[in-house]
């Protein structure tokens, strides 16, 4: 009868072997700064397709104002607002930042069919955010808090800045 070694034990042995390897052996083959393959990847805007010599990368800036603020189920009037800037490379990659009077927040974004969806996980602050802007300008900005647990939703609109 063959003895079968449990899978968790095999995984633990493999991990132990990796951790026991000297650090120098793991890093000795790294290329010098600026020579790594990742250093050769073009910036997002440079990777965008070209039409007539012009990159497809686009930047859109919205002025946003929120007339209503809801904390879980209680809503009240609001005068909160700020500026949302979205940079899209034309190949499906987008990034955004939200600026209000108190902070600038980096967001991952997607632009599709005239809709902007942007989000920030923000695990370091415990305040993840989700931003939605529809083609007609309707907008929602939701912040989730963890202490105490609650959600704050700002309801309003965004229009392209002039």
N, C-alpha and C. Protein backbone atom coordinates (compact mmCIF):
# COMPACT_ATOMS: atom_id res chain seq x y z
N UNK A 1 0.84 -1.17 0.00
CA UNK A 1 0.00 0.00 0.00
C UNK A 1 0.89 1.24 0.00
N UNK A 2 0.61 2.14 -0.91
CA UNK A 2 1.40 3.37 -1.03
C UNK A 2 0.93 4.39 0.00
N UNK A 3 1.90 5.13 0.54
CA UNK A 3 1.58 6.18 1.51
C UNK A 3 1.39 7.48 0.73
N UNK A 4 0.25 8.14 0.95
CA UNK A 4 -0.05 9.39 0.24
C UNK A 4 0.24 10.56 1.17
N UNK A 5 1.00 11.52 0.67
CA UNK A 5 1.32 12.72 1.45
C UNK A 5 0.21 13.74 1.21
N UNK A 6 -0.38 14.27 2.27
CA UNK A 6 -1.46 15.25 2.10
C UNK A 6 -0.96 16.49 1.35
N UNK A 7 -1.82 17.06 0.51
CA UNK A 7 -1.47 18.22 -0.30
C UNK A 7 -1.01 19.42 0.54
N UNK A 8 -1.68 19.76 1.66
CA UNK A 8 -1.20 20.89 2.47
C UNK A 8 0.23 20.69 2.96
N UNK A 9 0.60 19.43 3.28
CA UNK A 9 1.96 19.17 3.73
C UNK A 9 2.95 19.40 2.59
N UNK A 10 2.61 18.97 1.36
CA UNK A 10 3.48 19.21 0.22
C UNK A 10 3.65 20.71 -0.04
N UNK A 11 2.55 21.46 0.06
CA UNK A 11 2.63 22.91 -0.14
C UNK A 11 3.50 23.55 0.92
N UNK A 12 3.38 23.14 2.15
CA UNK A 12 4.19 23.69 3.24
C UNK A 12 5.67 23.38 3.02
N UNK A 13 5.98 22.16 2.57
CA UNK A 13 7.37 21.81 2.29
C UNK A 13 7.95 22.64 1.16
N UNK A 14 7.16 22.88 0.12
CA UNK A 14 7.64 23.69 -1.01
C UNK A 14 7.88 25.13 -0.56
N UNK A 15 6.98 25.68 0.25
CA UNK A 15 7.14 27.04 0.75
C UNK A 15 8.37 27.15 1.62
N UNK A 16 8.59 26.14 2.48
CA UNK A 16 9.76 26.14 3.35
C UNK A 16 11.03 26.13 2.52
N UNK A 17 11.07 25.36 1.45
CA UNK A 17 12.25 25.30 0.59
C UNK A 17 12.50 26.65 -0.07
N UNK A 18 11.45 27.34 -0.49
CA UNK A 18 11.61 28.66 -1.12
C UNK A 18 12.12 29.67 -0.11
N UNK A 19 11.59 29.63 1.10
CA UNK A 19 12.01 30.59 2.13
C UNK A 19 13.42 30.32 2.61
N UNK A 20 13.84 29.08 2.53
CA UNK A 20 15.17 28.74 2.99
C UNK A 20 16.25 29.13 2.00
N UNK A 21 15.91 29.35 0.73
CA UNK A 21 16.90 29.73 -0.28
C UNK A 21 17.47 31.09 0.08
N UNK A 22 18.78 31.28 -0.06
CA UNK A 22 19.38 32.57 0.28
C UNK A 22 18.82 33.68 -0.60
N UNK A 23 18.59 34.85 0.00
CA UNK A 23 18.04 35.99 -0.72
C UNK A 23 18.95 36.41 -1.86
N UNK A 24 20.25 36.34 -1.68
CA UNK A 24 21.19 36.74 -2.73
C UNK A 24 20.99 35.91 -3.99
N UNK A 25 20.71 34.62 -3.82
CA UNK A 25 20.50 33.76 -4.98
C UNK A 25 19.22 34.14 -5.73
N UNK A 26 18.25 34.72 -5.01
CA UNK A 26 17.00 35.09 -5.65
C UNK A 26 17.10 36.43 -6.38
N UNK A 27 18.02 37.30 -6.00
CA UNK A 27 18.09 38.64 -6.59
C UNK A 27 19.33 38.88 -7.45
N UNK A 28 20.27 37.96 -7.47
CA UNK A 28 21.52 38.18 -8.17
C UNK A 28 21.35 38.38 -9.67
N UNK A 29 20.29 37.83 -10.26
CA UNK A 29 20.13 37.89 -11.70
C UNK A 29 19.29 39.06 -12.18
N UNK A 30 18.96 40.00 -11.30
CA UNK A 30 18.16 41.14 -11.72
C UNK A 30 19.00 42.09 -12.57
N UNK A 31 18.41 42.65 -13.65
CA UNK A 31 19.16 43.60 -14.47
C UNK A 31 19.30 44.94 -13.75
N UNK A 32 20.25 45.76 -14.19
CA UNK A 32 20.41 47.07 -13.57
C UNK A 32 19.20 47.95 -13.84
N UNK A 33 19.03 49.00 -13.04
CA UNK A 33 17.90 49.92 -13.19
C UNK A 33 17.84 50.45 -14.61
N UNK A 34 16.65 50.49 -15.17
CA UNK A 34 16.46 51.00 -16.53
C UNK A 34 16.64 49.97 -17.61
N UNK A 35 17.14 48.78 -17.25
CA UNK A 35 17.39 47.75 -18.26
C UNK A 35 16.44 46.57 -18.13
N UNK A 36 15.52 46.60 -17.21
CA UNK A 36 14.56 45.50 -17.05
C UNK A 36 13.56 45.53 -18.19
N UNK A 37 13.02 44.38 -18.60
CA UNK A 37 12.05 44.37 -19.70
C UNK A 37 10.86 45.29 -19.44
N UNK A 38 10.42 45.42 -18.19
CA UNK A 38 9.29 46.27 -17.89
C UNK A 38 9.61 47.75 -18.18
N UNK A 39 10.89 48.12 -18.14
CA UNK A 39 11.27 49.51 -18.43
C UNK A 39 11.06 49.86 -19.89
N UNK A 40 10.87 48.86 -20.73
CA UNK A 40 10.69 49.10 -22.16
C UNK A 40 9.22 49.26 -22.55
N UNK A 41 8.30 49.11 -21.60
CA UNK A 41 6.88 49.25 -21.89
C UNK A 41 6.54 50.73 -22.03
N UNK A 42 5.89 51.08 -23.11
CA UNK A 42 5.56 52.48 -23.37
C UNK A 42 4.47 52.96 -22.42
N UNK A 43 4.44 54.26 -22.11
CA UNK A 43 3.34 54.80 -21.31
C UNK A 43 2.01 54.53 -21.99
N UNK A 44 0.92 54.56 -21.21
CA UNK A 44 -0.40 54.26 -21.75
C UNK A 44 -0.72 55.11 -22.96
N UNK A 45 -0.46 56.41 -22.90
CA UNK A 45 -0.82 57.28 -24.02
C UNK A 45 -0.01 56.95 -25.27
N UNK A 46 1.22 56.44 -25.10
CA UNK A 46 2.03 56.09 -26.27
C UNK A 46 1.58 54.77 -26.90
N UNK A 47 0.90 53.93 -26.12
CA UNK A 47 0.46 52.63 -26.64
C UNK A 47 -0.87 52.72 -27.38
N UNK A 48 -1.52 53.87 -27.28
CA UNK A 48 -2.82 54.03 -27.93
C UNK A 48 -2.66 54.02 -29.45
N UNK A 49 -3.66 53.52 -30.16
CA UNK A 49 -3.60 53.53 -31.61
C UNK A 49 -3.52 54.96 -32.15
N UNK A 50 -2.88 55.11 -33.28
CA UNK A 50 -2.72 56.44 -33.88
C UNK A 50 -3.64 56.56 -35.09
N UNK A 51 -4.24 57.73 -35.25
CA UNK A 51 -5.01 58.04 -36.44
C UNK A 51 -4.54 59.40 -36.93
N UNK A 52 -4.05 59.44 -38.15
CA UNK A 52 -3.50 60.68 -38.72
C UNK A 52 -2.39 61.25 -37.86
N UNK A 53 -1.59 60.39 -37.21
CA UNK A 53 -0.48 60.86 -36.40
C UNK A 53 -0.87 61.38 -35.04
N UNK A 54 -2.14 61.30 -34.67
CA UNK A 54 -2.60 61.80 -33.38
C UNK A 54 -2.99 60.63 -32.49
N UNK A 55 -2.44 60.57 -31.25
CA UNK A 55 -2.84 59.46 -30.37
C UNK A 55 -4.32 59.54 -30.04
N UNK A 56 -4.94 58.37 -29.82
CA UNK A 56 -6.35 58.32 -29.45
C UNK A 56 -6.58 58.66 -27.99
N UNK A 57 -5.51 58.87 -27.22
CA UNK A 57 -5.68 59.19 -25.81
C UNK A 57 -6.50 60.46 -25.68
N UNK A 58 -7.45 60.44 -24.76
CA UNK A 58 -8.33 61.58 -24.56
C UNK A 58 -8.40 61.91 -23.08
N UNK A 59 -8.58 63.18 -22.80
CA UNK A 59 -8.78 63.62 -21.43
C UNK A 59 -10.11 64.35 -21.38
N UNK A 60 -10.93 64.00 -20.42
CA UNK A 60 -12.21 64.69 -20.21
C UNK A 60 -12.23 65.21 -18.78
N UNK A 61 -12.66 66.44 -18.62
CA UNK A 61 -12.78 67.01 -17.29
C UNK A 61 -14.23 67.42 -17.07
N UNK A 62 -14.76 67.01 -15.94
CA UNK A 62 -16.15 67.30 -15.59
C UNK A 62 -16.18 68.17 -14.33
N UNK A 63 -17.06 69.14 -14.32
CA UNK A 63 -17.39 69.87 -13.10
C UNK A 63 -18.63 69.19 -12.53
N UNK A 64 -18.54 68.76 -11.28
CA UNK A 64 -19.64 68.00 -10.68
C UNK A 64 -20.20 68.74 -9.47
N UNK A 65 -21.50 68.71 -9.37
CA UNK A 65 -22.17 69.28 -8.18
C UNK A 65 -23.23 68.30 -7.72
N UNK A 66 -23.29 68.13 -6.41
CA UNK A 66 -24.20 67.18 -5.81
C UNK A 66 -25.18 67.92 -4.92
N UNK A 67 -26.45 67.84 -5.25
CA UNK A 67 -27.48 68.55 -4.52
C UNK A 67 -28.02 67.76 -3.33
N UNK A 68 -27.79 66.45 -3.31
CA UNK A 68 -28.32 65.60 -2.25
C UNK A 68 -27.21 64.72 -1.70
N UNK A 69 -27.20 64.56 -0.38
CA UNK A 69 -26.26 63.65 0.29
C UNK A 69 -27.07 62.72 1.18
N UNK A 70 -26.87 61.42 0.98
CA UNK A 70 -27.59 60.42 1.77
C UNK A 70 -26.59 59.59 2.57
N UNK A 71 -26.84 59.49 3.87
CA UNK A 71 -26.06 58.60 4.74
C UNK A 71 -26.96 57.42 5.05
N UNK A 72 -26.64 56.29 4.46
CA UNK A 72 -27.49 55.10 4.54
C UNK A 72 -28.92 55.47 4.11
N UNK A 73 -29.83 55.74 5.02
CA UNK A 73 -31.22 56.02 4.62
C UNK A 73 -31.65 57.45 4.87
N UNK A 74 -30.80 58.28 5.48
CA UNK A 74 -31.15 59.68 5.76
C UNK A 74 -30.54 60.58 4.69
N UNK A 75 -31.39 61.41 4.05
CA UNK A 75 -30.92 62.30 2.99
C UNK A 75 -31.13 63.76 3.38
N UNK A 76 -30.24 64.62 2.86
CA UNK A 76 -30.34 66.05 3.12
C UNK A 76 -29.77 66.81 1.93
N UNK A 77 -30.05 68.10 1.87
CA UNK A 77 -29.50 68.95 0.81
C UNK A 77 -27.98 69.03 0.97
N UNK A 78 -27.30 69.22 -0.16
CA UNK A 78 -25.84 69.27 -0.15
C UNK A 78 -25.35 70.32 -1.14
N UNK A 79 -24.18 70.85 -0.86
CA UNK A 79 -23.52 71.75 -1.82
C UNK A 79 -22.13 71.21 -2.16
N UNK A 80 -21.96 69.90 -2.01
CA UNK A 80 -20.67 69.25 -2.28
C UNK A 80 -20.40 69.23 -3.78
N UNK A 81 -19.15 69.40 -4.16
CA UNK A 81 -18.80 69.34 -5.57
C UNK A 81 -17.31 69.21 -5.76
N UNK A 82 -16.92 69.07 -7.01
CA UNK A 82 -15.51 68.95 -7.33
C UNK A 82 -15.32 68.73 -8.82
N UNK A 83 -14.13 68.31 -9.16
CA UNK A 83 -13.73 68.13 -10.56
C UNK A 83 -13.24 66.71 -10.77
N UNK A 84 -13.82 66.05 -11.77
CA UNK A 84 -13.42 64.70 -12.15
C UNK A 84 -12.69 64.78 -13.48
N UNK A 85 -11.45 64.28 -13.53
CA UNK A 85 -10.68 64.23 -14.77
C UNK A 85 -10.45 62.77 -15.12
N UNK A 86 -10.80 62.40 -16.35
CA UNK A 86 -10.67 61.02 -16.83
C UNK A 86 -9.73 61.03 -18.03
N UNK A 87 -8.72 60.18 -17.99
CA UNK A 87 -7.80 60.03 -19.11
C UNK A 87 -7.97 58.63 -19.66
N UNK A 88 -8.34 58.53 -20.93
CA UNK A 88 -8.58 57.25 -21.59
C UNK A 88 -7.60 57.11 -22.73
N UNK A 89 -6.98 55.93 -22.86
CA UNK A 89 -5.95 55.74 -23.89
C UNK A 89 -6.52 55.33 -25.25
N UNK A 90 -7.81 55.14 -25.38
CA UNK A 90 -8.38 54.74 -26.66
C UNK A 90 -8.31 53.24 -26.89
N UNK A 91 -7.63 52.51 -26.03
CA UNK A 91 -7.52 51.06 -26.17
C UNK A 91 -8.14 50.34 -25.00
N UNK A 92 -8.95 51.04 -24.21
CA UNK A 92 -9.66 50.40 -23.11
C UNK A 92 -9.10 50.67 -21.73
N UNK A 93 -7.94 51.34 -21.63
CA UNK A 93 -7.37 51.65 -20.33
C UNK A 93 -7.69 53.08 -19.95
N UNK A 94 -8.19 53.29 -18.73
CA UNK A 94 -8.53 54.62 -18.27
C UNK A 94 -8.13 54.79 -16.82
N UNK A 95 -7.89 56.03 -16.45
CA UNK A 95 -7.62 56.40 -15.07
C UNK A 95 -8.33 57.73 -14.83
N UNK A 96 -8.58 58.03 -13.58
CA UNK A 96 -9.28 59.27 -13.25
C UNK A 96 -8.76 59.81 -11.94
N UNK A 97 -9.01 61.11 -11.72
CA UNK A 97 -8.82 61.62 -10.38
C UNK A 97 -9.94 62.59 -10.04
N UNK A 98 -10.30 62.57 -8.78
CA UNK A 98 -11.37 63.40 -8.23
C UNK A 98 -10.72 64.41 -7.31
N UNK A 99 -11.03 65.68 -7.52
CA UNK A 99 -10.51 66.74 -6.67
C UNK A 99 -11.67 67.52 -6.08
N UNK A 100 -11.67 67.62 -4.76
CA UNK A 100 -12.63 68.49 -4.10
C UNK A 100 -11.82 69.43 -3.20
N UNK A 101 -12.45 70.15 -2.34
CA UNK A 101 -11.72 71.09 -1.50
C UNK A 101 -10.80 70.45 -0.49
N UNK A 102 -10.97 69.17 -0.20
CA UNK A 102 -10.21 68.51 0.84
C UNK A 102 -9.16 67.52 0.36
N UNK A 103 -9.34 66.95 -0.84
CA UNK A 103 -8.43 65.89 -1.27
C UNK A 103 -8.41 65.72 -2.78
N UNK A 104 -7.38 65.01 -3.24
CA UNK A 104 -7.32 64.52 -4.61
C UNK A 104 -7.23 63.01 -4.50
N UNK A 105 -8.11 62.33 -5.22
CA UNK A 105 -8.22 60.88 -5.12
C UNK A 105 -8.00 60.24 -6.48
N UNK A 106 -7.06 59.29 -6.57
CA UNK A 106 -6.81 58.54 -7.81
C UNK A 106 -7.80 57.40 -7.91
N UNK A 107 -8.35 57.20 -9.12
CA UNK A 107 -9.36 56.17 -9.35
C UNK A 107 -9.00 55.36 -10.60
N UNK A 108 -9.33 54.09 -10.58
CA UNK A 108 -9.30 53.29 -11.80
C UNK A 108 -10.62 53.58 -12.50
N UNK A 109 -10.62 53.62 -13.83
CA UNK A 109 -11.83 54.04 -14.54
C UNK A 109 -12.08 53.20 -15.78
N UNK A 110 -13.33 53.25 -16.23
CA UNK A 110 -13.73 52.65 -17.50
C UNK A 110 -14.68 53.64 -18.16
N UNK A 111 -14.48 53.85 -19.46
CA UNK A 111 -15.36 54.72 -20.24
C UNK A 111 -15.96 53.86 -21.32
N UNK A 112 -17.30 53.77 -21.32
CA UNK A 112 -17.95 52.88 -22.27
C UNK A 112 -19.34 53.43 -22.59
N UNK A 113 -19.60 53.63 -23.87
CA UNK A 113 -20.92 54.10 -24.29
C UNK A 113 -21.30 55.44 -23.69
N UNK A 114 -20.32 56.31 -23.46
CA UNK A 114 -20.60 57.61 -22.87
C UNK A 114 -20.73 57.61 -21.37
N UNK A 115 -20.61 56.43 -20.76
CA UNK A 115 -20.68 56.31 -19.30
C UNK A 115 -19.26 56.28 -18.73
N UNK A 116 -19.09 56.90 -17.57
CA UNK A 116 -17.82 56.83 -16.85
C UNK A 116 -18.10 56.11 -15.53
N UNK A 117 -17.35 55.05 -15.28
CA UNK A 117 -17.41 54.35 -14.00
C UNK A 117 -15.99 54.39 -13.44
N UNK A 118 -15.84 54.89 -12.24
CA UNK A 118 -14.51 54.99 -11.62
C UNK A 118 -14.60 54.51 -10.18
N UNK A 119 -13.52 53.90 -9.70
CA UNK A 119 -13.54 53.37 -8.34
C UNK A 119 -12.16 53.41 -7.73
N UNK A 120 -12.14 53.48 -6.42
CA UNK A 120 -10.91 53.41 -5.64
C UNK A 120 -11.16 52.47 -4.48
N UNK A 121 -10.31 51.44 -4.35
CA UNK A 121 -10.47 50.51 -3.24
C UNK A 121 -10.06 51.16 -1.93
N UNK A 122 -9.01 51.97 -1.94
CA UNK A 122 -8.52 52.72 -0.78
C UNK A 122 -8.46 51.92 0.51
N UNK A 123 -7.82 50.74 0.52
CA UNK A 123 -7.78 49.95 1.75
C UNK A 123 -7.04 50.66 2.88
N UNK A 124 -6.10 51.55 2.53
CA UNK A 124 -5.32 52.23 3.57
C UNK A 124 -6.15 53.24 4.36
N UNK A 125 -7.21 53.78 3.75
CA UNK A 125 -8.05 54.75 4.46
C UNK A 125 -9.35 54.15 4.95
N UNK A 126 -9.71 52.98 4.46
CA UNK A 126 -10.98 52.38 4.83
C UNK A 126 -12.17 53.12 4.24
N UNK A 127 -11.92 53.87 3.13
CA UNK A 127 -12.99 54.63 2.49
C UNK A 127 -13.02 54.35 0.98
N UNK A 128 -13.45 53.14 0.57
CA UNK A 128 -13.56 52.90 -0.87
C UNK A 128 -14.62 53.81 -1.49
N UNK A 129 -14.38 54.20 -2.75
CA UNK A 129 -15.30 55.10 -3.45
C UNK A 129 -15.72 54.50 -4.78
N UNK A 130 -16.92 54.84 -5.23
CA UNK A 130 -17.42 54.47 -6.55
C UNK A 130 -18.08 55.69 -7.15
N UNK A 131 -17.71 56.00 -8.38
CA UNK A 131 -18.19 57.19 -9.08
C UNK A 131 -18.83 56.74 -10.39
N UNK A 132 -20.05 57.22 -10.67
CA UNK A 132 -20.73 56.91 -11.92
C UNK A 132 -21.22 58.21 -12.55
N UNK A 133 -20.94 58.37 -13.84
CA UNK A 133 -21.46 59.52 -14.60
C UNK A 133 -22.11 58.96 -15.85
N UNK A 134 -23.38 59.26 -16.05
CA UNK A 134 -24.13 58.78 -17.21
C UNK A 134 -24.00 59.79 -18.36
N UNK A 135 -24.30 59.36 -19.60
CA UNK A 135 -24.16 60.26 -20.75
C UNK A 135 -24.98 61.55 -20.61
N UNK A 136 -26.11 61.51 -19.90
CA UNK A 136 -26.94 62.71 -19.75
C UNK A 136 -26.48 63.59 -18.58
N UNK A 137 -25.38 63.20 -17.90
CA UNK A 137 -24.82 64.01 -16.83
C UNK A 137 -25.20 63.58 -15.43
N UNK A 138 -26.18 62.70 -15.28
CA UNK A 138 -26.52 62.22 -13.93
C UNK A 138 -25.28 61.59 -13.30
N UNK A 139 -25.08 61.85 -12.01
CA UNK A 139 -23.87 61.35 -11.36
C UNK A 139 -24.17 60.88 -9.94
N UNK A 140 -23.40 59.89 -9.51
CA UNK A 140 -23.43 59.39 -8.14
C UNK A 140 -22.00 59.18 -7.69
N UNK A 141 -21.74 59.59 -6.46
CA UNK A 141 -20.45 59.32 -5.82
C UNK A 141 -20.76 58.69 -4.47
N UNK A 142 -20.31 57.45 -4.27
CA UNK A 142 -20.59 56.74 -3.03
C UNK A 142 -19.29 56.46 -2.30
N UNK A 143 -19.29 56.73 -1.01
CA UNK A 143 -18.15 56.44 -0.14
C UNK A 143 -18.61 55.43 0.90
N UNK A 144 -17.85 54.37 1.06
CA UNK A 144 -18.16 53.36 2.07
C UNK A 144 -17.19 53.55 3.23
N UNK A 145 -17.73 53.65 4.43
CA UNK A 145 -16.92 53.82 5.63
C UNK A 145 -16.98 52.54 6.46
N UNK A 146 -15.93 52.31 7.24
CA UNK A 146 -15.88 51.08 8.02
C UNK A 146 -15.96 51.31 9.52
N UNK A 147 -15.85 52.56 9.98
CA UNK A 147 -15.89 52.79 11.42
C UNK A 147 -16.60 54.09 11.74
N UNK A 148 -17.90 54.11 11.88
CA UNK A 148 -18.82 52.97 11.84
C UNK A 148 -19.15 52.61 10.40
N UNK A 149 -19.64 51.40 10.19
CA UNK A 149 -19.97 50.96 8.85
C UNK A 149 -21.18 51.74 8.34
N UNK A 150 -21.00 52.37 7.19
CA UNK A 150 -22.08 53.13 6.57
C UNK A 150 -21.66 53.53 5.16
N UNK A 151 -22.62 53.97 4.38
CA UNK A 151 -22.35 54.45 3.02
C UNK A 151 -22.92 55.86 2.91
N UNK A 152 -22.16 56.72 2.25
CA UNK A 152 -22.60 58.09 1.97
C UNK A 152 -22.70 58.21 0.46
N UNK A 153 -23.87 58.55 -0.05
CA UNK A 153 -24.07 58.70 -1.48
C UNK A 153 -24.38 60.15 -1.80
N UNK A 154 -23.62 60.70 -2.74
CA UNK A 154 -23.89 62.04 -3.24
C UNK A 154 -24.60 61.91 -4.57
N UNK A 155 -25.73 62.61 -4.71
CA UNK A 155 -26.56 62.52 -5.92
C UNK A 155 -26.55 63.90 -6.58
N UNK A 156 -26.20 63.92 -7.86
CA UNK A 156 -26.15 65.20 -8.56
C UNK A 156 -25.86 65.02 -10.03
N UNK A 157 -25.05 65.93 -10.57
CA UNK A 157 -24.74 65.86 -12.00
C UNK A 157 -23.33 66.36 -12.27
N UNK A 158 -22.81 65.94 -13.41
CA UNK A 158 -21.49 66.36 -13.87
C UNK A 158 -21.65 66.84 -15.31
N UNK A 159 -20.97 67.93 -15.63
CA UNK A 159 -20.97 68.40 -17.02
C UNK A 159 -19.54 68.67 -17.44
N UNK A 160 -19.29 68.51 -18.72
CA UNK A 160 -17.94 68.70 -19.24
C UNK A 160 -17.50 70.14 -18.95
N UNK A 161 -16.32 70.27 -18.37
CA UNK A 161 -15.79 71.60 -18.02
C UNK A 161 -15.45 72.36 -19.30
N UNK A 162 -15.67 73.63 -19.27
CA UNK A 162 -15.37 74.47 -20.44
C UNK A 162 -14.16 75.31 -20.21
